[in-house]
Amino acid sequence: MDTVKLCYALRRGVFYPSARDEFGEMPPRAERARYLPLVRAMGFAAVELPADEQADERSARELARELRDAGLDVGAVRGGGALGHPLAGERARRRLDCAIQYAGWTGASIVNTAMVSPATHPDGPGAGRQGEQVSQGGSRTASESDFIRTAEHLQAAGRRAADVGAKISIEVHQGSIADNSTATLHLLDLVAQGGVNNVGANPDLGNIYWHYEYPDETAEAAIVALAPRAVYWHCKNLRRLHVPEHRRAYFQRVPLPDGDLDYRFAIAAMLDAGYAGYLAIEGAREGDQLSQDRRGTEYVCGLLRELGAD
């Protein structure tokens, strides 16, 4: 892959007559004959799938074939979790192994993992991991041994992913040890010390923006720092409503052209760093997702043309 391609990180799969709404899953097969051509016509070259832990090789390959017949690849498979967590880590590692296997079956080039820790106090401050002054599971409370232990698990996973021709992307995500550029780069450096070179970043700027009442860093600083290490890229946009008397910020998901994050700057920074992977538009969760996400593809394609990219 030597050019930027669009991947659909769909988040809402409701499509009449089916009202099934499982996060990140496409409509049932009966509806996909009408759904997939719409996705392809929007400009997407691939889709992101969740790792189906119940799937066997036959069903995974059948789904990949169905997508190829519609002109779409499986661009990324997501799975994993807080790999180094003392209690949840084993389950997260099994999920990541499942995602790697699923990527091998479907031909996906990326396995994306968001290493979000379970909330230690589900009803306490920071449990929601959006717009508060504290966040449960974030890098601010991580120790160096937490980073080292997580890096060791990523090294092992990276080697397994290499066997199926895939890279692992660490999604910069709220409530995880990799929640800003500094923490993510430190983790990647530790992974690289083990001789593993197929683990990189997914610089999800939206997750940095809505993590705390005030973000750890600007989106501009984050993307410039992470672009050289990026192997996959989730793009979403938000509008921030700050309520200072509550010491909270609240966020509304909006189509890519309409939010506070400047994707003209971000895309330019990624191209300048030589990025030639998937730009994954993280889809709408409410309303007519296809119309909202089409606006995102039109916006991105326009920016790529202006910036001289294919």
Protein backbone atom coordinates (compact mmCIF):
# COMPACT_ATOMS: atom_id res chain seq x y z
CA MET A 1 0.00 0.00 0.00
CA ASP A 2 1.78 3.14 -1.18
CA THR A 3 -1.02 5.69 -0.98
CA VAL A 4 -3.49 6.76 1.68
CA LYS A 5 -6.69 4.73 1.45
CA LEU A 6 -9.96 5.17 3.30
CA CYS A 7 -11.09 2.50 5.74
CA TYR A 8 -14.57 2.51 7.26
CA ALA A 9 -14.35 2.11 11.03
CA LEU A 10 -18.13 1.87 11.21
CA ARG A 11 -19.65 2.23 14.63
CA ARG A 12 -23.39 1.94 13.87
CA GLY A 13 -24.73 -0.92 11.79
CA VAL A 14 -28.46 -0.16 11.77
CA PHE A 15 -29.77 -0.56 8.22
CA TYR A 16 -33.47 -1.08 7.44
CA PRO A 17 -35.16 -3.46 7.94
CA SER A 18 -32.64 -4.60 10.56
CA ALA A 19 -32.45 -2.46 13.70
CA ARG A 20 -29.54 -4.41 15.17
CA ASP A 21 -27.09 -1.98 16.73
CA GLU A 22 -23.98 -3.78 17.95
CA PHE A 23 -21.01 -1.42 18.28
CA GLY A 24 -18.80 -1.60 15.22
CA GLU A 25 -20.64 -4.45 13.48
CA MET A 26 -22.11 -4.35 10.01
CA PRO A 27 -25.77 -5.13 9.37
CA PRO A 28 -26.74 -8.82 9.10
CA ARG A 29 -25.82 -10.61 5.90
CA ALA A 30 -29.34 -10.34 4.50
CA GLU A 31 -28.99 -6.54 4.38
CA ARG A 32 -25.35 -6.34 3.30
CA ALA A 33 -26.07 -6.86 -0.40
CA ARG A 34 -27.55 -3.34 -0.38
CA TYR A 35 -25.32 -1.90 2.34
CA LEU A 36 -21.84 -2.74 1.04
CA PRO A 37 -22.24 -1.07 -2.38
CA LEU A 38 -23.17 2.15 -0.57
CA VAL A 39 -20.02 1.92 1.54
CA ARG A 40 -17.88 1.33 -1.54
CA ALA A 41 -19.55 4.19 -3.43
CA MET A 42 -18.68 6.56 -0.59
CA GLY A 43 -15.00 6.05 -1.43
CA PHE A 44 -13.96 3.44 1.13
CA ALA A 45 -11.45 0.83 0.09
CA ALA A 46 -11.72 -1.28 3.23
CA VAL A 47 -13.62 -1.80 6.46
CA GLU A 48 -12.51 -2.35 10.05
CA LEU A 49 -13.95 -5.42 11.76
CA PRO A 50 -14.12 -6.58 15.37
CA ALA A 51 -12.38 -9.88 16.02
CA ASP A 52 -15.09 -12.52 16.20
CA GLU A 53 -13.92 -14.88 18.92
CA GLN A 54 -16.60 -17.42 17.91
CA ALA A 55 -15.64 -17.45 14.24
CA ASP A 56 -13.78 -20.26 12.56
CA GLU A 57 -11.46 -19.95 9.58
CA ARG A 58 -14.17 -20.85 7.09
CA SER A 59 -16.64 -18.17 8.24
CA ALA A 60 -13.89 -15.53 8.43
CA ARG A 61 -12.75 -16.26 4.89
CA GLU A 62 -16.34 -16.23 3.66
CA LEU A 63 -16.86 -12.75 5.11
CA ALA A 64 -13.63 -11.52 3.53
CA ARG A 65 -14.76 -12.95 0.19
CA GLU A 66 -18.14 -11.25 0.52
CA LEU A 67 -16.39 -7.94 1.12
CA ARG A 68 -14.00 -8.43 -1.81
CA ASP A 69 -16.95 -9.15 -4.09
CA ALA A 70 -18.25 -5.70 -3.08
CA GLY A 71 -14.86 -4.11 -3.83
CA LEU A 72 -13.77 -3.84 -0.19
CA ASP A 73 -10.85 -5.28 1.75
CA VAL A 74 -10.67 -6.10 5.43
CA GLY A 75 -8.32 -3.27 6.37
CA ALA A 76 -8.08 -3.78 10.11
CA VAL A 77 -9.24 -6.09 12.88
CA ARG A 78 -9.59 -4.75 16.39
CA GLY A 79 -9.17 -6.60 19.65
CA GLY A 80 -7.18 -6.72 22.85
CA GLY A 81 -7.38 -4.53 25.92
CA ALA A 82 -5.22 -3.76 28.95
CA LEU A 83 -2.51 -6.32 28.15
CA GLY A 84 -0.49 -5.74 31.31
CA HIS A 85 -3.37 -5.51 33.77
CA PRO A 86 -2.93 -8.01 36.63
CA LEU A 87 -6.55 -9.22 36.45
CA ALA A 88 -7.90 -8.30 33.03
CA GLY A 89 -4.64 -8.83 31.15
CA GLU A 90 -5.04 -12.53 30.42
CA ARG A 91 -8.42 -11.99 28.80
CA ALA A 92 -7.08 -9.02 26.82
CA ARG A 93 -4.15 -11.05 25.55
CA ARG A 94 -6.48 -13.83 24.41
CA ARG A 95 -8.58 -11.26 22.55
CA LEU A 96 -5.48 -9.84 20.87
CA ASP A 97 -4.38 -13.34 19.84
CA CYS A 98 -7.84 -13.91 18.40
CA ALA A 99 -7.62 -10.64 16.45
CA ILE A 100 -4.22 -11.64 15.03
CA GLN A 101 -5.58 -15.01 13.94
CA TYR A 102 -8.66 -13.34 12.44
CA ALA A 103 -6.43 -10.90 10.54
CA GLY A 104 -4.52 -13.83 9.09
CA TRP A 105 -7.73 -15.50 7.95
CA THR A 106 -9.18 -12.33 6.38
CA GLY A 107 -6.00 -10.79 4.96
CA ALA A 108 -6.13 -7.68 7.17
CA SER A 109 -2.86 -5.77 7.33
CA ILE A 110 -3.58 -4.11 10.70
CA VAL A 111 -4.54 -5.40 14.14
CA ASN A 112 -5.68 -2.44 16.22
CA THR A 113 -5.67 -2.61 20.00
CA ALA A 114 -6.98 -0.06 22.51
CA MET A 115 -5.45 -0.92 25.90
CA VAL A 116 -8.21 0.47 28.10
CA SER A 117 -8.04 -0.66 31.73
CA PRO A 118 -11.15 -1.70 33.64
CA ALA A 119 -12.47 1.00 35.96
CA THR A 120 -11.21 0.46 39.49
CA HIS A 121 -14.18 2.41 40.91
CA PRO A 122 -17.02 2.08 38.34
CA ASP A 123 -19.11 4.81 39.97
CA GLY A 124 -16.21 7.03 41.03
CA PRO A 125 -14.50 10.05 39.54
CA GLY A 126 -12.87 9.39 36.20
CA ALA A 127 -14.81 6.20 35.45
CA GLY A 128 -16.36 7.75 32.36
CA ARG A 129 -12.94 8.82 31.02
CA GLN A 130 -14.37 11.83 29.25
CA GLY A 131 -14.05 15.45 30.23
CA GLU A 132 -13.15 15.02 33.90
CA GLN A 133 -10.08 16.14 35.81
CA VAL A 134 -9.04 12.57 36.51
CA SER A 135 -9.23 9.35 34.52
CA GLN A 136 -9.12 5.81 35.77
CA GLY A 137 -6.51 3.75 33.98
CA GLY A 138 -4.66 6.63 32.31
CA SER A 139 -0.90 7.00 31.95
CA ARG A 140 -0.73 9.57 34.75
CA THR A 141 -1.05 6.78 37.32
CA ALA A 142 1.04 4.16 35.46
CA SER A 143 4.45 3.08 36.72
CA GLU A 144 7.51 2.29 34.63
CA SER A 145 6.99 -1.39 35.38
CA ASP A 146 3.49 -1.06 33.88
CA PHE A 147 5.04 0.25 30.67
CA ILE A 148 7.70 -2.46 30.59
CA ARG A 149 5.20 -5.27 31.21
CA THR A 150 2.86 -3.94 28.51
CA ALA A 151 5.75 -3.58 26.06
CA GLU A 152 6.77 -7.20 26.63
CA HIS A 153 3.26 -8.38 25.76
CA LEU A 154 3.25 -6.18 22.67
CA GLN A 155 6.60 -7.60 21.57
CA ALA A 156 5.19 -11.12 21.76
CA ALA A 157 2.03 -10.07 19.93
CA GLY A 158 4.04 -8.24 17.28
CA ARG A 159 6.00 -11.39 16.52
CA ARG A 160 2.79 -13.39 16.13
CA ALA A 161 1.31 -10.69 13.91
CA ALA A 162 4.41 -10.73 11.70
CA ASP A 163 3.76 -14.41 11.03
CA VAL A 164 0.44 -13.50 9.36
CA GLY A 165 1.78 -10.40 7.60
CA ALA A 166 0.11 -7.86 9.87
CA LYS A 167 1.16 -4.86 11.94
CA ILE A 168 -0.19 -3.96 15.37
CA SER A 169 -1.43 -0.43 15.96
CA ILE A 170 -1.62 0.93 19.49
CA GLU A 171 -4.67 3.15 19.58
CA VAL A 172 -4.08 6.31 21.56
CA HIS A 173 -7.09 5.97 23.82
CA GLN A 174 -8.49 7.51 26.98
CA GLY A 175 -8.31 5.32 30.07
CA SER A 176 -5.27 3.47 28.76
CA ILE A 177 -1.54 3.51 29.35
CA ALA A 178 -1.18 5.00 25.84
CA ASP A 179 -3.38 8.06 26.19
CA ASN A 180 -1.17 10.82 24.74
CA SER A 181 1.82 11.13 22.45
CA THR A 182 4.47 11.04 25.20
CA ALA A 183 3.15 7.83 26.75
CA THR A 184 2.60 6.17 23.38
CA LEU A 185 6.07 6.99 22.09
CA HIS A 186 7.64 5.72 25.31
CA LEU A 187 5.75 2.45 24.93
CA LEU A 188 6.76 2.13 21.27
CA ASP A 189 10.40 2.76 22.15
CA LEU A 190 10.28 -0.02 24.73
CA VAL A 191 8.73 -2.38 22.18
CA ALA A 192 11.39 -1.52 19.61
CA GLN A 193 14.15 -2.33 22.10
CA GLY A 194 13.06 -5.95 21.76
CA GLY A 195 13.74 -5.91 18.03
CA VAL A 196 10.06 -5.78 17.08
CA ASN A 197 9.41 -3.29 14.27
CA ASN A 198 5.82 -4.02 13.24
CA VAL A 199 4.13 -2.24 16.17
CA GLY A 200 3.16 1.39 15.66
CA ALA A 201 0.71 4.08 16.66
CA ASN A 202 -2.89 4.87 15.84
CA PRO A 203 -2.92 8.62 16.66
CA ASP A 204 -6.63 8.99 17.47
CA LEU A 205 -6.80 12.72 18.16
CA GLY A 206 -10.41 12.57 19.32
CA ASN A 207 -9.47 10.30 22.21
CA ILE A 208 -6.83 12.77 23.40
CA TYR A 209 -9.23 15.68 23.05
CA TRP A 210 -12.08 14.27 25.12
CA HIS A 211 -10.06 12.42 27.73
CA TYR A 212 -9.79 15.21 30.32
CA GLU A 213 -11.47 18.53 31.10
CA TYR A 214 -8.43 20.09 29.43
CA PRO A 215 -6.53 17.87 26.97
CA ASP A 216 -3.02 16.77 27.79
CA GLU A 217 -1.75 18.35 24.57
CA THR A 218 -3.01 20.06 21.46
CA ALA A 219 -4.06 17.97 18.50
CA GLU A 220 -1.38 19.71 16.44
CA ALA A 221 1.41 18.75 18.83
CA ALA A 222 0.14 15.19 19.12
CA ILE A 223 -0.10 14.50 15.39
CA VAL A 224 3.32 15.95 14.61
CA ALA A 225 4.86 13.78 17.33
CA LEU A 226 3.04 10.57 16.38
CA ALA A 227 2.88 10.78 12.58
CA PRO A 228 6.33 9.23 11.99
CA ARG A 229 5.34 6.18 14.08
CA ALA A 230 1.78 5.77 12.74
CA VAL A 231 0.69 2.56 11.04
CA TYR A 232 -3.09 3.13 11.19
CA TRP A 233 -5.25 6.18 11.92
CA HIS A 234 -8.70 6.58 13.44
CA CYS A 235 -10.28 9.94 12.55
CA LYS A 236 -13.32 11.36 14.33
CA ASN A 237 -14.35 14.86 15.33
CA LEU A 238 -15.99 16.46 18.34
CA ARG A 239 -17.44 19.69 19.65
CA ARG A 240 -16.49 20.60 23.19
CA LEU A 241 -18.83 22.22 25.72
CA HIS A 242 -16.93 23.35 28.80
CA VAL A 243 -18.86 23.86 32.05
CA PRO A 244 -16.21 25.46 34.29
CA GLU A 245 -18.45 25.66 37.37
CA HIS A 246 -18.71 21.85 37.22
CA ARG A 247 -15.05 21.49 36.26
CA ARG A 248 -16.19 19.27 33.40
CA ALA A 249 -16.22 19.26 29.65
CA TYR A 250 -18.81 17.46 27.54
CA PHE A 251 -18.41 16.37 23.94
CA GLN A 252 -20.67 15.83 20.96
CA ARG A 253 -19.60 13.63 18.06
CA VAL A 254 -19.98 15.42 14.71
CA PRO A 255 -18.93 14.70 11.10
CA LEU A 256 -15.25 15.30 10.36
CA PRO A 257 -15.58 18.78 8.80
CA ASP A 258 -17.71 20.16 11.66
CA GLY A 259 -15.69 19.68 14.83
CA ASP A 260 -12.98 21.40 16.82
CA LEU A 261 -10.11 19.26 15.51
CA ASP A 262 -8.30 20.61 12.47
CA TYR A 263 -7.92 17.69 10.09
CA ARG A 264 -6.45 19.89 7.37
CA PHE A 265 -3.42 20.32 9.66
CA ALA A 266 -3.47 16.69 10.78
CA ILE A 267 -3.60 15.19 7.28
CA ALA A 268 -0.86 17.53 6.10
CA ALA A 269 1.33 16.42 9.02
CA MET A 270 0.71 12.74 8.30
CA LEU A 271 1.52 13.13 4.61
CA ASP A 272 4.67 15.10 5.41
CA ALA A 273 5.79 12.19 7.61
CA GLY A 274 5.34 9.84 4.65
CA TYR A 275 2.22 8.11 5.95
CA ALA A 276 0.76 5.73 3.37
CA GLY A 277 -1.62 3.62 5.44
CA TYR A 278 -5.34 3.55 6.07
CA LEU A 279 -7.14 6.70 7.12
CA ALA A 280 -10.02 5.15 9.04
CA ILE A 281 -13.09 7.32 9.41
CA GLU A 282 -14.61 6.38 12.75
CA GLY A 283 -18.29 6.46 12.01
CA ALA A 284 -21.28 8.11 13.62
CA ARG A 285 -23.04 6.38 16.51
CA GLU A 286 -26.41 8.10 16.20
CA GLY A 287 -28.72 9.01 13.35
CA ASP A 288 -28.17 8.34 9.67
CA GLN A 289 -24.59 7.17 9.88
CA LEU A 290 -24.08 6.67 6.16
CA SER A 291 -25.00 10.26 5.30
CA GLN A 292 -22.84 11.65 8.11
CA ASP A 293 -19.89 9.46 7.23
CA ARG A 294 -20.20 10.28 3.53
CA ARG A 295 -19.58 13.90 4.49
CA GLY A 296 -16.39 12.72 6.15
CA THR A 297 -15.14 10.92 3.05
CA GLU A 298 -15.94 13.90 0.81
CA TYR A 299 -14.08 16.21 3.18
CA VAL A 300 -11.03 13.95 3.43
CA CYS A 301 -10.86 13.31 -0.31
CA GLY A 302 -11.04 17.05 -0.95
CA LEU A 303 -8.18 17.69 1.47
CA LEU A 304 -6.07 14.94 -0.05
CA ARG A 305 -6.54 16.44 -3.51
CA GLU A 306 -5.63 19.91 -2.27
CA LEU A 307 -2.52 18.51 -0.59
CA GLY A 308 -1.46 16.70 -3.74
CA ALA A 309 -2.06 13.16 -2.51
CA ASP A 310 -3.80 10.38 -4.41
